[in-house]
């Protein structure tokens, strides 16, 4: 996994024993984690706020975290080198994760406008309208955007060149990028956890009666202020993680893609691509792991 620094220099593979690139169905849809050996020359280029590029699509990432690990320092020739852990967010979206010093309040607004107001500069290929959006001073827009997406039963993901917003139901109408004739994944099945993690929602109507989401039943319940029936149904429509698939390194599969597992479609909720390099570069392990989900519409109780 190639990493290029802001000065155009490529980071040598022997200096990065562990690199993990993740895409996710979240307001900041791509993140990069790197364990790197730094000396005095490299340290300024990998400091907080610096930009690096990585991945087969050569996307730009902004460093938000640089922590020296507790393994101490090593001497290589006449250079003192220490291991650091670098965390970087997709550059065109990273500002939505920062605390605001000015509020964002919108009603019946396109998500594109909200995303731009939060500081994102990426291209967005599709859009939805949000009934109400609020992010106050001292809050991070990413949490409010995630809430708005849940209220609209939609997801946001990175395509490699732009951000795409899509309804959850529509995501299952696309063509699978991978087909597994035999289910070789880890399967997660627990009605107990589902009843805790998939709550029902209720709200008060104008006549003081209660409106309930479709998934009423023996599960946790949450009150949602000023929610109509459509919003309550959207809140109970989400992706329920059911499988984890670990396979060969395949960076072209990302969050938002569809995978057919033994004849049943699953959406990639999170995709993680990792390269681990052994001592002196003698052994390199590349692998990808995908967290897969099914569409939950509140039909089960």
C-alpha atoms as a PDB file:
ATOM      1  CA  UNK A   1       0.000   0.000   0.000  1.00  0.00           C
ATOM      2  CA  UNK A   2       1.846   3.069  -1.272  1.00  0.00           C
ATOM      3  CA  UNK A   3       1.925   6.253   0.823  1.00  0.00           C
ATOM      4  CA  UNK A   4       3.069   9.571  -0.615  1.00  0.00           C
ATOM      5  CA  UNK A   5       4.082  12.530   1.549  1.00  0.00           C
ATOM      6  CA  UNK A   6       3.139  16.154   0.945  1.00  0.00           C
ATOM      7  CA  UNK A   7       6.541  16.909  -0.627  1.00  0.00           C
ATOM      8  CA  UNK A   8       6.042  14.206  -3.273  1.00  0.00           C
ATOM      9  CA  UNK A   9       8.307  11.705  -1.542  1.00  0.00           C
ATOM     10  CA  UNK A  10       7.097   8.108  -1.307  1.00  0.00           C
ATOM     11  CA  UNK A  11       7.310   6.520   2.132  1.00  0.00           C
ATOM     12  CA  UNK A  12       9.480   3.403   2.012  1.00  0.00           C
ATOM     13  CA  UNK A  13       7.696   0.169   2.825  1.00  0.00           C
ATOM     14  CA  UNK A  14      10.327  -0.887   5.355  1.00  0.00           C
ATOM     15  CA  UNK A  15       9.396   2.164   7.456  1.00  0.00           C
ATOM     16  CA  UNK A  16       5.721   1.171   7.730  1.00  0.00           C
ATOM     17  CA  UNK A  17       5.348  -2.206   9.482  1.00  0.00           C
ATOM     18  CA  UNK A  18       1.557  -1.849   9.639  1.00  0.00           C
ATOM     19  CA  UNK A  19      -0.849   0.067   7.362  1.00  0.00           C
ATOM     20  CA  UNK A  20      -4.638  -0.151   7.624  1.00  0.00           C
ATOM     21  CA  UNK A  21      -7.032   1.630   5.253  1.00  0.00           C
ATOM     22  CA  UNK A  22     -10.735   1.606   6.166  1.00  0.00           C
ATOM     23  CA  UNK A  23     -13.891   2.705   4.402  1.00  0.00           C
ATOM     24  CA  UNK A  24     -17.114   2.928   6.348  1.00  0.00           C
ATOM     25  CA  UNK A  25     -20.766   3.980   6.049  1.00  0.00           C
ATOM     26  CA  UNK A  26     -20.180   7.103   8.106  1.00  0.00           C
ATOM     27  CA  UNK A  27     -19.919  10.901   7.686  1.00  0.00           C
ATOM     28  CA  UNK A  28     -16.120  10.521   7.465  1.00  0.00           C
ATOM     29  CA  UNK A  29     -16.168   7.567   5.074  1.00  0.00           C
ATOM     30  CA  UNK A  30     -12.442   6.712   4.878  1.00  0.00           C
ATOM     31  CA  UNK A  31      -9.631   6.587   7.452  1.00  0.00           C
ATOM     32  CA  UNK A  32      -5.981   5.593   7.390  1.00  0.00           C
ATOM     33  CA  UNK A  33      -3.882   4.177  10.236  1.00  0.00           C
ATOM     34  CA  UNK A  34      -0.121   3.760   9.876  1.00  0.00           C
ATOM     35  CA  UNK A  35       2.586   2.561  12.238  1.00  0.00           C
ATOM     36  CA  UNK A  36       5.743   4.249  10.967  1.00  0.00           C
ATOM     37  CA  UNK A  37       9.368   4.586  12.005  1.00  0.00           C
ATOM     38  CA  UNK A  38      10.158   8.295  12.120  1.00  0.00           C
ATOM     39  CA  UNK A  39      13.424  10.201  12.281  1.00  0.00           C
ATOM     40  CA  UNK A  40      13.971  13.958  12.521  1.00  0.00           C
ATOM     41  CA  UNK A  41      13.659  14.401   8.752  1.00  0.00           C
ATOM     42  CA  UNK A  42      10.388  12.538   8.335  1.00  0.00           C
ATOM     43  CA  UNK A  43       8.695  13.779  11.514  1.00  0.00           C
ATOM     44  CA  UNK A  44       7.628  17.225  10.146  1.00  0.00           C
ATOM     45  CA  UNK A  45       6.045  15.587   7.068  1.00  0.00           C
ATOM     46  CA  UNK A  46       3.911  13.301   9.244  1.00  0.00           C
ATOM     47  CA  UNK A  47       2.925  15.820  11.903  1.00  0.00           C
ATOM     48  CA  UNK A  48      -0.688  16.628  12.780  1.00  0.00           C
ATOM     49  CA  UNK A  49      -2.292  18.680  10.017  1.00  0.00           C
ATOM     50  CA  UNK A  50      -0.081  17.326   7.219  1.00  0.00           C
ATOM     51  CA  UNK A  51      -1.652  15.672   4.154  1.00  0.00           C
ATOM     52  CA  UNK A  52      -0.627  12.298   2.715  1.00  0.00           C
ATOM     53  CA  UNK A  53      -2.033  10.184  -0.113  1.00  0.00           C
ATOM     54  CA  UNK A  54      -2.699   6.461   0.038  1.00  0.00           C
ATOM     55  CA  UNK A  55      -4.683   3.640  -1.520  1.00  0.00           C
ATOM     56  CA  UNK A  56      -4.990   2.485  -5.112  1.00  0.00           C
ATOM     57  CA  UNK A  57      -7.146   5.553  -5.871  1.00  0.00           C
ATOM     58  CA  UNK A  58      -4.454   7.878  -4.362  1.00  0.00           C
ATOM     59  CA  UNK A  59      -6.921   9.735  -2.138  1.00  0.00           C
ATOM     60  CA  UNK A  60      -5.654  12.492   0.165  1.00  0.00           C
ATOM     61  CA  UNK A  61      -5.814  12.087   3.962  1.00  0.00           C
ATOM     62  CA  UNK A  62      -5.257  14.692   6.691  1.00  0.00           C
ATOM     63  CA  UNK A  63      -3.327  13.583   9.780  1.00  0.00           C
ATOM     64  CA  UNK A  64      -5.263  14.249  13.003  1.00  0.00           C
ATOM     65  CA  UNK A  65      -3.236  12.115  15.428  1.00  0.00           C
ATOM     66  CA  UNK A  66       0.459  11.340  15.833  1.00  0.00           C
ATOM     67  CA  UNK A  67       1.435   9.378  18.934  1.00  0.00           C
ATOM     68  CA  UNK A  68       4.833   8.010  19.797  1.00  0.00           C
ATOM     69  CA  UNK A  69       4.467   4.383  20.798  1.00  0.00           C
ATOM     70  CA  UNK A  70       5.903   3.045  24.054  1.00  0.00           C
ATOM     71  CA  UNK A  71       8.365   0.731  22.297  1.00  0.00           C
ATOM     72  CA  UNK A  72      11.168   3.273  22.632  1.00  0.00           C
ATOM     73  CA  UNK A  73      13.617   4.347  19.938  1.00  0.00           C
ATOM     74  CA  UNK A  74      16.010   2.448  17.665  1.00  0.00           C
ATOM     75  CA  UNK A  75      19.302   3.495  16.114  1.00  0.00           C
ATOM     76  CA  UNK A  76      19.758   2.930  12.386  1.00  0.00           C
ATOM     77  CA  UNK A  77      23.187   4.093  11.259  1.00  0.00           C
ATOM     78  CA  UNK A  78      23.512   7.556  12.762  1.00  0.00           C
ATOM     79  CA  UNK A  79      19.740   8.161  12.877  1.00  0.00           C
ATOM     80  CA  UNK A  80      17.545   7.851  15.952  1.00  0.00           C
ATOM     81  CA  UNK A  81      14.203   6.401  14.917  1.00  0.00           C
ATOM     82  CA  UNK A  82      11.049   5.799  16.955  1.00  0.00           C
ATOM     83  CA  UNK A  83       7.751   4.107  16.172  1.00  0.00           C
ATOM     84  CA  UNK A  84       4.743   6.408  15.834  1.00  0.00           C
ATOM     85  CA  UNK A  85       1.075   5.670  15.209  1.00  0.00           C
ATOM     86  CA  UNK A  86      -0.508   7.971  12.616  1.00  0.00           C
ATOM     87  CA  UNK A  87      -4.278   8.370  12.175  1.00  0.00           C
ATOM     88  CA  UNK A  88      -5.586  10.328   9.201  1.00  0.00           C
ATOM     89  CA  UNK A  89      -9.074  11.146   7.873  1.00  0.00           C
ATOM     90  CA  UNK A  90     -10.166  11.587   4.275  1.00  0.00           C
ATOM     91  CA  UNK A  91      -9.000  15.120   3.499  1.00  0.00           C
ATOM     92  CA  UNK A  92     -12.124  16.284   1.647  1.00  0.00           C
ATOM     93  CA  UNK A  93     -14.371  15.281   4.574  1.00  0.00           C
ATOM     94  CA  UNK A  94     -12.200  15.553   7.667  1.00  0.00           C
ATOM     95  CA  UNK A  95     -13.555  18.907   8.864  1.00  0.00           C
ATOM     96  CA  UNK A  96     -16.991  17.419   9.626  1.00  0.00           C
ATOM     97  CA  UNK A  97     -15.355  15.589  12.561  1.00  0.00           C
ATOM     98  CA  UNK A  98     -14.105  18.796  14.210  1.00  0.00           C
ATOM     99  CA  UNK A  99     -15.915  20.688  16.956  1.00  0.00           C
ATOM    100  CA  UNK A 100     -17.885  23.658  15.621  1.00  0.00           C
ATOM    101  CA  UNK A 101     -17.504  27.245  16.783  1.00  0.00           C
ATOM    102  CA  UNK A 102     -20.674  28.220  14.881  1.00  0.00           C
ATOM    103  CA  UNK A 103     -24.000  26.396  14.817  1.00  0.00           C
ATOM    104  CA  UNK A 104     -25.546  24.771  11.727  1.00  0.00           C
ATOM    105  CA  UNK A 105     -29.356  24.754  11.720  1.00  0.00           C
ATOM    106  CA  UNK A 106     -31.341  23.861   8.599  1.00  0.00           C
ATOM    107  CA  UNK A 107     -34.858  22.642   7.740  1.00  0.00           C
ATOM    108  CA  UNK A 108     -35.927  20.680   4.662  1.00  0.00           C
ATOM    109  CA  UNK A 109     -32.397  21.073   3.269  1.00  0.00           C
ATOM    110  CA  UNK A 110     -30.384  18.884   0.878  1.00  0.00           C
ATOM    111  CA  UNK A 111     -27.764  16.830   2.664  1.00  0.00           C
ATOM    112  CA  UNK A 112     -25.236  18.280   0.209  1.00  0.00           C
ATOM    113  CA  UNK A 113     -25.803  21.763   1.669  1.00  0.00           C
ATOM    114  CA  UNK A 114     -25.455  20.424   5.206  1.00  0.00           C
ATOM    115  CA  UNK A 115     -22.256  18.539   4.358  1.00  0.00           C
ATOM    116  CA  UNK A 116     -20.737  21.630   2.753  1.00  0.00           C
ATOM    117  CA  UNK A 117     -21.746  23.832   5.696  1.00  0.00           C
ATOM    118  CA  UNK A 118     -19.915  21.366   7.960  1.00  0.00           C
ATOM    119  CA  UNK A 119     -16.697  21.877   5.986  1.00  0.00           C
ATOM    120  CA  UNK A 120     -16.683  19.044   3.443  1.00  0.00           C
ATOM    121  CA  UNK A 121     -15.274  19.866   0.003  1.00  0.00           C
ATOM    122  CA  UNK A 122     -15.748  16.528  -1.774  1.00  0.00           C
ATOM    123  CA  UNK A 123     -17.922  15.949  -4.814  1.00  0.00           C
ATOM    124  CA  UNK A 124     -21.277  14.318  -4.000  1.00  0.00           C
ATOM    125  CA  UNK A 125     -22.932  12.202  -6.694  1.00  0.00           C
ATOM    126  CA  UNK A 126     -26.452  11.997  -5.225  1.00  0.00           C
ATOM    127  CA  UNK A 127     -28.530  13.680  -2.559  1.00  0.00           C
ATOM    128  CA  UNK A 128     -31.488  13.419  -0.175  1.00  0.00           C
ATOM    129  CA  UNK A 129     -33.446  16.058   1.726  1.00  0.00           C
ATOM    130  CA  UNK A 130     -33.290  16.263   5.513  1.00  0.00           C
ATOM    131  CA  UNK A 131     -36.382  17.504   7.371  1.00  0.00           C
ATOM    132  CA  UNK A 132     -34.445  19.165  10.150  1.00  0.00           C
ATOM    133  CA  UNK A 133     -30.789  19.401  11.051  1.00  0.00           C
ATOM    134  CA  UNK A 134     -29.109  20.979  14.039  1.00  0.00           C
ATOM    135  CA  UNK A 135     -25.498  21.026  15.176  1.00  0.00           C
ATOM    136  CA  UNK A 136     -24.809  23.481  17.985  1.00  0.00           C
ATOM    137  CA  UNK A 137     -21.626  25.261  19.031  1.00  0.00           C
ATOM    138  CA  UNK A 138     -19.283  22.825  20.745  1.00  0.00           C
ATOM    139  CA  UNK A 139     -20.616  19.795  18.828  1.00  0.00           C
ATOM    140  CA  UNK A 140     -19.110  17.804  15.953  1.00  0.00           C
ATOM    141  CA  UNK A 141     -21.230  17.778  12.751  1.00  0.00           C
ATOM    142  CA  UNK A 142     -20.362  14.128  12.096  1.00  0.00           C
ATOM    143  CA  UNK A 143     -22.693  12.970  14.884  1.00  0.00           C
ATOM    144  CA  UNK A 144     -25.536  15.182  13.680  1.00  0.00           C
ATOM    145  CA  UNK A 145     -25.047  14.014  10.077  1.00  0.00           C
ATOM    146  CA  UNK A 146     -25.134  10.379  11.214  1.00  0.00           C
ATOM    147  CA  UNK A 147     -28.389  11.110  13.060  1.00  0.00           C
ATOM    148  CA  UNK A 148     -29.881  12.767   9.970  1.00  0.00           C
ATOM    149  CA  UNK A 149     -28.934   9.764   7.826  1.00  0.00           C
ATOM    150  CA  UNK A 150     -30.608   7.422  10.303  1.00  0.00           C
ATOM    151  CA  UNK A 151     -33.760   9.553  10.261  1.00  0.00           C
ATOM    152  CA  UNK A 152     -33.868   9.227   6.465  1.00  0.00           C
ATOM    153  CA  UNK A 153     -32.879   5.504   6.358  1.00  0.00           C
ATOM    154  CA  UNK A 154     -29.873   6.383   4.204  1.00  0.00           C
ATOM    155  CA  UNK A 155     -26.105   5.913   4.169  1.00  0.00           C
ATOM    156  CA  UNK A 156     -23.091   7.908   3.019  1.00  0.00           C
ATOM    157  CA  UNK A 157     -20.029   6.224   1.525  1.00  0.00           C
ATOM    158  CA  UNK A 158     -16.854   6.932  -0.448  1.00  0.00           C
ATOM    159  CA  UNK A 159     -16.625   5.644  -4.033  1.00  0.00           C
ATOM    160  CA  UNK A 160     -12.921   6.365  -4.464  1.00  0.00           C
ATOM    161  CA  UNK A 161     -13.437   9.703  -6.167  1.00  0.00           C
ATOM    162  CA  UNK A 162     -16.580  11.158  -4.595  1.00  0.00           C
ATOM    163  CA  UNK A 163     -19.140  10.697  -1.837  1.00  0.00           C
ATOM    164  CA  UNK A 164     -22.450   9.017  -2.564  1.00  0.00           C
ATOM    165  CA  UNK A 165     -25.638   9.248  -0.482  1.00  0.00           C
ATOM    166  CA  UNK A 166     -28.167   6.475  -0.996  1.00  0.00           C
ATOM    167  CA  UNK A 167     -31.269   5.056   0.638  1.00  0.00           C
ATOM    168  CA  UNK A 168     -30.558   1.750   2.365  1.00  0.00           C
ATOM    169  CA  UNK A 169     -33.178  -0.122   0.341  1.00  0.00           C
ATOM    170  CA  UNK A 170     -31.662   1.151  -2.921  1.00  0.00           C
ATOM    171  CA  UNK A 171     -28.229  -0.159  -1.981  1.00  0.00           C
ATOM    172  CA  UNK A 172     -29.520  -3.724  -2.321  1.00  0.00           C
ATOM    173  CA  UNK A 173     -30.639  -3.095  -5.914  1.00  0.00           C
ATOM    174  CA  UNK A 174     -27.091  -2.695  -7.257  1.00  0.00           C
ATOM    175  CA  UNK A 175     -24.998  -5.464  -8.812  1.00  0.00           C
ATOM    176  CA  UNK A 176     -22.789  -7.437  -6.371  1.00  0.00           C
ATOM    177  CA  UNK A 177     -19.061  -6.823  -6.778  1.00  0.00           C
ATOM    178  CA  UNK A 178     -18.246 -10.289  -5.391  1.00  0.00           C
ATOM    179  CA  UNK A 179     -20.111 -13.596  -5.225  1.00  0.00           C
ATOM    180  CA  UNK A 180     -19.355 -16.337  -2.694  1.00  0.00           C
ATOM    181  CA  UNK A 181     -21.053 -19.566  -3.890  1.00  0.00           C
ATOM    182  CA  UNK A 182     -20.336 -21.145  -0.484  1.00  0.00           C
ATOM    183  CA  UNK A 183     -20.676 -19.238   2.787  1.00  0.00           C
ATOM    184  CA  UNK A 184     -17.154 -19.118   4.231  1.00  0.00           C
ATOM    185  CA  UNK A 185     -17.789 -16.122   6.500  1.00  0.00           C
ATOM    186  CA  UNK A 186     -18.170 -15.745  10.243  1.00  0.00           C
ATOM    187  CA  UNK A 187     -21.896 -15.565  10.969  1.00  0.00           C
ATOM    188  CA  UNK A 188     -23.283 -13.492  13.827  1.00  0.00           C
ATOM    189  CA  UNK A 189     -26.635 -14.660  15.177  1.00  0.00           C
ATOM    190  CA  UNK A 190     -28.058 -13.419  18.480  1.00  0.00           C
ATOM    191  CA  UNK A 191     -31.683 -12.452  19.000  1.00  0.00           C
ATOM    192  CA  UNK A 192     -30.640 -11.307  22.477  1.00  0.00           C
ATOM    193  CA  UNK A 193     -28.195  -8.721  21.128  1.00  0.00           C
ATOM    194  CA  UNK A 194     -30.602  -7.746  18.359  1.00  0.00           C
ATOM    195  CA  UNK A 195     -33.339  -6.901  20.856  1.00  0.00           C
ATOM    196  CA  UNK A 196     -30.897  -4.627  22.708  1.00  0.00           C
ATOM    197  CA  UNK A 197     -29.267  -3.077  19.645  1.00  0.00           C
ATOM    198  CA  UNK A 198     -32.361  -2.632  17.451  1.00  0.00           C
ATOM    199  CA  UNK A 199     -34.714  -0.508  19.574  1.00  0.00           C
ATOM    200  CA  UNK A 200     -38.247   0.501  18.784  1.00  0.00           C
ATOM    201  CA  UNK A 201     -39.094   4.209  18.639  1.00  0.00           C
ATOM    202  CA  UNK A 202     -42.139   6.181  19.683  1.00  0.00           C
ATOM    203  CA  UNK A 203     -43.195   9.805  19.616  1.00  0.00           C
ATOM    204  CA  UNK A 204     -46.127  11.975  20.631  1.00  0.00           C
ATOM    205  CA  UNK A 205     -48.733  13.083  18.086  1.00  0.00           C
ATOM    206  CA  UNK A 206     -50.472  16.469  18.096  1.00  0.00           C
ATOM    207  CA  UNK A 207     -53.465  14.913  19.890  1.00  0.00           C
ATOM    208  CA  UNK A 208     -51.134  13.572  22.637  1.00  0.00           C
ATOM    209  CA  UNK A 209     -51.498   9.954  21.484  1.00  0.00           C
ATOM    210  CA  UNK A 210     -48.416   7.865  20.740  1.00  0.00           C
ATOM    211  CA  UNK A 211     -47.016   6.875  17.348  1.00  0.00           C
ATOM    212  CA  UNK A 212     -44.819   3.777  17.201  1.00  0.00           C
ATOM    213  CA  UNK A 213     -42.233   2.467  14.755  1.00  0.00           C
ATOM    214  CA  UNK A 214     -42.821  -0.805  12.936  1.00  0.00           C
ATOM    215  CA  UNK A 215     -40.600  -2.857  15.206  1.00  0.00           C
ATOM    216  CA  UNK A 216     -42.701  -2.835  18.358  1.00  0.00           C
ATOM    217  CA  UNK A 217     -42.018  -5.857  20.484  1.00  0.00           C
ATOM    218  CA  UNK A 218     -39.869  -7.261  23.246  1.00  0.00           C
ATOM    219  CA  UNK A 219     -36.965  -4.871  22.718  1.00  0.00           C
ATOM    220  CA  UNK A 220     -35.584  -1.635  24.110  1.00  0.00           C
ATOM    221  CA  UNK A 221     -37.620   1.508  23.365  1.00  0.00           C
ATOM    222  CA  UNK A 222     -36.546   5.111  22.765  1.00  0.00           C
ATOM    223  CA  UNK A 223     -38.582   8.304  22.650  1.00  0.00           C
ATOM    224  CA  UNK A 224     -37.953  10.567  19.628  1.00  0.00           C
ATOM    225  CA  UNK A 225     -39.160  14.147  19.822  1.00  0.00           C
ATOM    226  CA  UNK A 226     -41.505  15.449  17.077  1.00  0.00           C
ATOM    227  CA  UNK A 227     -41.158  12.427  14.811  1.00  0.00           C
ATOM    228  CA  UNK A 228     -43.910  11.578  12.334  1.00  0.00           C
ATOM    229  CA  UNK A 229     -44.766   8.024  11.292  1.00  0.00           C
ATOM    230  CA  UNK A 230     -42.421   8.085   8.295  1.00  0.00           C
ATOM    231  CA  UNK A 231     -39.461   9.126  10.422  1.00  0.00           C
ATOM    232  CA  UNK A 232     -40.242   6.480  13.027  1.00  0.00           C
ATOM    233  CA  UNK A 233     -40.290   3.825  10.304  1.00  0.00           C
ATOM    234  CA  UNK A 234     -37.005   5.165   8.918  1.00  0.00           C
ATOM    235  CA  UNK A 235     -35.428   4.954  12.357  1.00  0.00           C
ATOM    236  CA  UNK A 236     -36.309   1.272  12.522  1.00  0.00           C
ATOM    237  CA  UNK A 237     -34.800   0.627   9.065  1.00  0.00           C
ATOM    238  CA  UNK A 238     -31.052   0.036   9.206  1.00  0.00           C
ATOM    239  CA  UNK A 239     -28.247  -2.373   8.384  1.00  0.00           C
ATOM    240  CA  UNK A 240     -27.880  -5.184  10.884  1.00  0.00           C
ATOM    241  CA  UNK A 241     -24.395  -6.688  10.928  1.00  0.00           C
ATOM    242  CA  UNK A 242     -24.625 -10.417  10.256  1.00  0.00           C
ATOM    243  CA  UNK A 243     -21.279 -11.573   8.841  1.00  0.00           C
ATOM    244  CA  UNK A 244     -17.518 -10.923   8.838  1.00  0.00           C
ATOM    245  CA  UNK A 245     -15.480 -12.049   5.841  1.00  0.00           C
ATOM    246  CA  UNK A 246     -11.663 -12.173   5.940  1.00  0.00           C
ATOM    247  CA  UNK A 247     -10.007 -12.825   2.602  1.00  0.00           C
ATOM    248  CA  UNK A 248      -7.104 -11.979   0.315  1.00  0.00           C
ATOM    249  CA  UNK A 249      -6.107  -8.350  -0.144  1.00  0.00           C
ATOM    250  CA  UNK A 250      -8.776  -6.762  -2.338  1.00  0.00           C
ATOM    251  CA  UNK A 251      -8.698  -2.944  -2.039  1.00  0.00           C
ATOM    252  CA  UNK A 252     -11.305  -2.427  -4.769  1.00  0.00           C
ATOM    253  CA  UNK A 253     -14.106  -3.607  -2.453  1.00  0.00           C
ATOM    254  CA  UNK A 254     -15.264  -0.766  -0.198  1.00  0.00           C
ATOM    255  CA  UNK A 255     -18.085   0.152   2.156  1.00  0.00           C
ATOM    256  CA  UNK A 256     -21.353   0.497   0.246  1.00  0.00           C
ATOM    257  CA  UNK A 257     -20.601  -2.344  -2.153  1.00  0.00           C
ATOM    258  CA  UNK A 258     -22.838  -5.408  -2.374  1.00  0.00           C
ATOM    259  CA  UNK A 259     -21.546  -8.961  -1.815  1.00  0.00           C
ATOM    260  CA  UNK A 260     -23.567 -12.074  -2.635  1.00  0.00           C
ATOM    261  CA  UNK A 261     -23.025 -14.720   0.053  1.00  0.00           C
ATOM    262  CA  UNK A 262     -24.525 -18.073  -0.940  1.00  0.00           C
ATOM    263  CA  UNK A 263     -27.305 -16.409  -2.912  1.00  0.00           C
ATOM    264  CA  UNK A 264     -28.136 -13.645  -0.406  1.00  0.00           C
ATOM    265  CA  UNK A 265     -26.986 -10.050  -0.817  1.00  0.00           C
ATOM    266  CA  UNK A 266     -25.149  -8.221   1.956  1.00  0.00           C
ATOM    267  CA  UNK A 267     -23.944  -4.619   2.052  1.00  0.00           C
ATOM    268  CA  UNK A 268     -20.376  -3.908   3.147  1.00  0.00           C
ATOM    269  CA  UNK A 269     -20.718  -1.786   6.307  1.00  0.00           C
ATOM    270  CA  UNK A 270     -16.972  -1.530   6.924  1.00  0.00           C
ATOM    271  CA  UNK A 271     -14.050  -2.600   4.736  1.00  0.00           C
ATOM    272  CA  UNK A 272     -10.530  -2.787   6.186  1.00  0.00           C
ATOM    273  CA  UNK A 273      -7.436  -3.435   4.077  1.00  0.00           C
ATOM    274  CA  UNK A 274      -4.243  -4.146   5.980  1.00  0.00           C
ATOM    275  CA  UNK A 275      -0.590  -4.770   5.230  1.00  0.00           C
ATOM    276  CA  UNK A 276       1.616  -6.117   8.020  1.00  0.00           C
ATOM    277  CA  UNK A 277       5.351  -6.395   7.420  1.00  0.00           C
ATOM    278  CA  UNK A 278       7.606  -8.600   9.505  1.00  0.00           C
ATOM    279  CA  UNK A 279      11.094  -7.795  10.667  1.00  0.00           C
ATOM    280  CA  UNK A 280      13.480  -6.500   7.988  1.00  0.00           C
ATOM    281  CA  UNK A 281      10.700  -6.814   5.384  1.00  0.00           C
ATOM    282  CA  UNK A 282      11.187 -10.573   5.094  1.00  0.00           C
ATOM    283  CA  UNK A 283       7.494 -11.427   5.506  1.00  0.00           C
ATOM    284  CA  UNK A 284       4.557  -9.350   4.290  1.00  0.00           C
ATOM    285  CA  UNK A 285       0.938 -10.222   5.048  1.00  0.00           C
ATOM    286  CA  UNK A 286      -1.793  -8.518   3.060  1.00  0.00           C
ATOM    287  CA  UNK A 287      -5.440  -9.134   3.852  1.00  0.00           C
ATOM    288  CA  UNK A 288      -8.889  -7.567   3.687  1.00  0.00           C
ATOM    289  CA  UNK A 289     -11.765  -7.879   6.125  1.00  0.00           C
ATOM    290  CA  UNK A 290     -15.378  -6.930   5.483  1.00  0.00           C
ATOM    291  CA  UNK A 291     -18.222  -6.456   7.941  1.00  0.00           C
ATOM    292  CA  UNK A 292     -21.454  -7.340   6.124  1.00  0.00           C
ATOM    293  CA  UNK A 293     -25.021  -6.367   6.948  1.00  0.00           C
ATOM    294  CA  UNK A 294     -28.588  -7.248   6.034  1.00  0.00           C
ATOM    295  CA  UNK A 295     -31.414  -4.757   5.720  1.00  0.00           C
ATOM    296  CA  UNK A 296     -33.538  -4.621   8.878  1.00  0.00           C
ATOM    297  CA  UNK A 297     -36.986  -3.079   8.393  1.00  0.00           C
ATOM    298  CA  UNK A 298     -38.553  -3.749  11.774  1.00  0.00           C
ATOM    299  CA  UNK A 299     -40.480  -6.784  10.577  1.00  0.00           C
ATOM    300  CA  UNK A 300     -39.035  -9.089  13.226  1.00  0.00           C
ATOM    301  CA  UNK A 301     -40.049  -8.842  16.867  1.00  0.00           C
END
